[in-house]
């Protein structure tokens, strides 16, 4: 039981929410952080803690693309397929990545390094085609740039070509 192992953290999360079911997303995040995905056992445990049914937890996990039902690679490549990225040929980029890594969307490389996903808008419409790798954005992509990103990630675990994500600047307080 995953949640028993992290009892203190679960109690701390629950203490933040006057309505228990509101803790669903943070508990799913905890389960995924610890296991690398949200297992069926974790969903059952969370349902029990929150007085929900397992299908209620499952429908939430499957609604949000940030949650995974199976393990993903060390580097999660999420290529944007929204209209703006599609107009600058993100579909061709997906095909190129698929060939280079010998996987299709939703698959993970044999070595467990890369998982490829095609996702909706990642909020970088003016700089497509773009992809998010774990928490980092890579924009204005070409095959050459993606090749360097993939090679750098495989070799050293990071790439200097990342460009974000960006935080919008907060307005300065008036004095």
Protein backbone atom coordinates (compact mmCIF):
# COMPACT_ATOMS: atom_id res chain seq x y z
CA UNK A 1 0.00 0.00 0.00
CA UNK A 2 1.73 3.11 -1.32
CA UNK A 3 -0.20 5.53 0.82
CA UNK A 4 0.66 3.68 4.03
CA UNK A 5 4.35 4.11 3.15
CA UNK A 6 3.83 7.88 2.84
CA UNK A 7 1.29 8.26 5.65
CA UNK A 8 2.70 11.56 6.97
CA UNK A 9 2.73 13.15 3.53
CA UNK A 10 -0.81 11.92 2.84
CA UNK A 11 -2.04 13.36 6.15
CA UNK A 12 -0.34 16.68 5.39
CA UNK A 13 -2.01 16.81 1.95
CA UNK A 14 -5.42 15.94 3.42
CA UNK A 15 -5.04 18.65 6.07
CA UNK A 16 -5.00 21.31 3.33
CA UNK A 17 -8.47 20.44 2.04
CA UNK A 18 -11.72 20.83 3.99
CA UNK A 19 -13.42 18.56 1.42
CA UNK A 20 -11.42 15.30 1.21
CA UNK A 21 -12.06 14.63 -2.47
CA UNK A 22 -10.29 17.91 -3.28
CA UNK A 23 -7.02 16.18 -2.41
CA UNK A 24 -7.39 13.81 -5.38
CA UNK A 25 -4.91 15.52 -7.73
CA UNK A 26 -2.18 16.00 -5.09
CA UNK A 27 -2.51 12.35 -4.02
CA UNK A 28 -2.31 11.21 -7.65
CA UNK A 29 0.81 13.36 -8.04
CA UNK A 30 2.30 11.72 -4.96
CA UNK A 31 1.57 8.23 -6.29
CA UNK A 32 3.05 9.04 -9.69
CA UNK A 33 6.12 10.69 -8.20
CA UNK A 34 6.85 7.58 -6.14
CA UNK A 35 6.03 4.88 -8.71
CA UNK A 36 6.65 6.70 -11.99
CA UNK A 37 3.00 6.17 -12.97
CA UNK A 38 -0.36 5.75 -11.25
CA UNK A 39 -0.89 2.05 -10.63
CA UNK A 40 -4.22 0.31 -10.15
CA UNK A 41 -3.28 -0.36 -6.53
CA UNK A 42 -2.54 3.34 -5.95
CA UNK A 43 -5.91 4.28 -7.47
CA UNK A 44 -7.68 1.85 -5.14
CA UNK A 45 -5.77 3.19 -2.12
CA UNK A 46 -6.57 6.80 -3.03
CA UNK A 47 -10.23 5.95 -3.58
CA UNK A 48 -10.40 4.39 -0.13
CA UNK A 49 -8.71 7.35 1.56
CA UNK A 50 -10.99 9.87 -0.15
CA UNK A 51 -14.22 7.87 0.11
CA UNK A 52 -14.45 7.65 -3.69
CA UNK A 53 -14.97 4.69 -5.96
CA UNK A 54 -11.99 3.36 -7.95
CA UNK A 55 -13.75 4.33 -11.21
CA UNK A 56 -13.99 7.94 -10.00
CA UNK A 57 -10.24 7.99 -9.45
CA UNK A 58 -9.60 6.22 -12.77
CA UNK A 59 -11.70 8.74 -14.72
CA UNK A 60 -9.61 11.56 -13.25
CA UNK A 61 -6.32 9.81 -14.09
CA UNK A 62 -7.44 9.23 -17.67
CA UNK A 63 -8.78 12.78 -18.09
CA UNK A 64 -5.48 14.51 -17.31
CA UNK A 65 -2.59 13.86 -19.70
CA UNK A 66 -0.07 14.53 -16.93
CA UNK A 67 -0.93 11.19 -15.32
CA UNK A 68 0.34 7.89 -16.73
CA UNK A 69 -1.17 4.42 -16.38
CA UNK A 70 2.10 2.70 -17.21
CA UNK A 71 5.76 3.56 -16.68
CA UNK A 72 7.23 6.13 -19.05
CA UNK A 73 10.80 6.77 -20.09
CA UNK A 74 13.35 8.87 -18.28
CA UNK A 75 12.67 11.60 -20.86
CA UNK A 76 9.05 12.21 -21.80
CA UNK A 77 8.93 13.83 -25.24
CA UNK A 78 5.62 15.62 -25.69
CA UNK A 79 5.26 17.07 -29.19
CA UNK A 80 2.55 19.68 -29.65
CA UNK A 81 -0.03 18.85 -32.32
CA UNK A 82 -2.26 21.92 -32.00
CA UNK A 83 -3.20 23.82 -35.14
CA UNK A 84 -0.39 26.37 -34.85
CA UNK A 85 2.28 23.66 -34.51
CA UNK A 86 0.64 21.50 -37.16
CA UNK A 87 0.84 24.41 -39.61
CA UNK A 88 4.63 24.45 -39.16
CA UNK A 89 4.82 20.67 -39.64
CA UNK A 90 4.88 19.19 -36.16
CA UNK A 91 3.45 16.00 -37.68
CA UNK A 92 6.61 15.61 -39.79
CA UNK A 93 8.68 16.08 -36.64
CA UNK A 94 6.75 13.29 -34.89
CA UNK A 95 7.41 11.02 -37.86
CA UNK A 96 11.12 11.90 -37.80
CA UNK A 97 11.40 11.29 -34.02
CA UNK A 98 9.53 7.99 -34.41
CA UNK A 99 11.99 6.81 -37.03
CA UNK A 100 15.06 8.01 -35.10
CA UNK A 101 13.98 6.34 -31.84
CA UNK A 102 12.17 3.39 -33.46
CA UNK A 103 8.99 4.03 -31.45
CA UNK A 104 5.58 5.47 -32.15
CA UNK A 105 3.49 7.86 -30.08
CA UNK A 106 2.62 6.28 -26.74
CA UNK A 107 5.66 4.00 -26.84
CA UNK A 108 8.93 3.90 -24.92
CA UNK A 109 12.37 3.01 -26.26
CA UNK A 110 13.75 -0.40 -25.33
CA UNK A 111 16.38 1.19 -23.07
CA UNK A 112 13.66 3.09 -21.17
CA UNK A 113 15.16 6.48 -21.98
CA UNK A 114 12.47 8.05 -24.17
CA UNK A 115 8.67 8.01 -24.33
CA UNK A 116 7.03 9.82 -27.22
CA UNK A 117 3.63 11.48 -26.84
CA UNK A 118 1.62 13.74 -29.11
CA UNK A 119 -0.28 16.31 -27.06
CA UNK A 120 -2.54 19.30 -27.45
CA UNK A 121 -1.41 22.87 -27.06
CA UNK A 122 1.58 23.48 -24.83
CA UNK A 123 1.11 27.26 -24.93
CA UNK A 124 3.97 28.20 -27.22
CA UNK A 125 2.01 28.95 -30.38
CA UNK A 126 4.40 31.56 -31.77
CA UNK A 127 7.46 29.31 -31.56
CA UNK A 128 6.36 26.04 -33.10
CA UNK A 129 7.01 23.38 -33.80
CA UNK A 130 7.83 22.70 -30.20
CA UNK A 131 8.01 19.92 -27.68
CA UNK A 132 8.22 19.59 -23.95
CA UNK A 133 10.75 17.16 -22.50
CA UNK A 134 9.87 16.50 -18.88
CA UNK A 135 9.56 20.11 -17.61
CA UNK A 136 11.58 21.85 -20.32
CA UNK A 137 10.43 23.48 -23.58
CA UNK A 138 12.26 23.18 -26.88
CA UNK A 139 10.98 25.56 -29.54
CA UNK A 140 11.37 26.38 -33.25
CA UNK A 141 12.43 22.80 -33.79
CA UNK A 142 14.10 21.35 -36.84
CA UNK A 143 15.27 17.78 -37.36
CA UNK A 144 18.81 18.92 -36.61
CA UNK A 145 17.78 20.61 -33.35
CA UNK A 146 15.74 17.61 -32.22
CA UNK A 147 18.63 15.32 -33.10
CA UNK A 148 20.92 17.36 -30.87
CA UNK A 149 18.36 17.40 -28.06
CA UNK A 150 17.93 13.62 -28.18
CA UNK A 151 21.68 12.99 -28.43
CA UNK A 152 22.47 15.36 -25.54
CA UNK A 153 19.75 13.87 -23.34
CA UNK A 154 20.95 10.33 -24.03
CA UNK A 155 24.60 11.25 -23.46
CA UNK A 156 24.54 13.69 -20.51
CA UNK A 157 20.92 13.89 -19.38
CA UNK A 158 20.33 17.53 -20.33
CA UNK A 159 20.46 19.87 -23.31
CA UNK A 160 21.38 23.55 -23.46
CA UNK A 161 18.82 24.20 -26.22
CA UNK A 162 15.91 24.32 -23.76
CA UNK A 163 14.03 27.58 -23.81
CA UNK A 164 11.47 27.45 -21.01
CA UNK A 165 8.87 27.09 -19.67
CA UNK A 166 8.58 30.73 -18.86
CA UNK A 167 6.87 32.40 -15.95
CA UNK A 168 4.95 35.54 -16.84
CA UNK A 169 6.55 38.49 -15.08
CA UNK A 170 4.60 39.76 -12.12
CA UNK A 171 3.75 43.47 -12.27
CA UNK A 172 5.89 45.59 -9.99
CA UNK A 173 4.14 46.95 -6.93
CA UNK A 174 3.49 50.66 -7.14
CA UNK A 175 5.11 52.66 -4.40
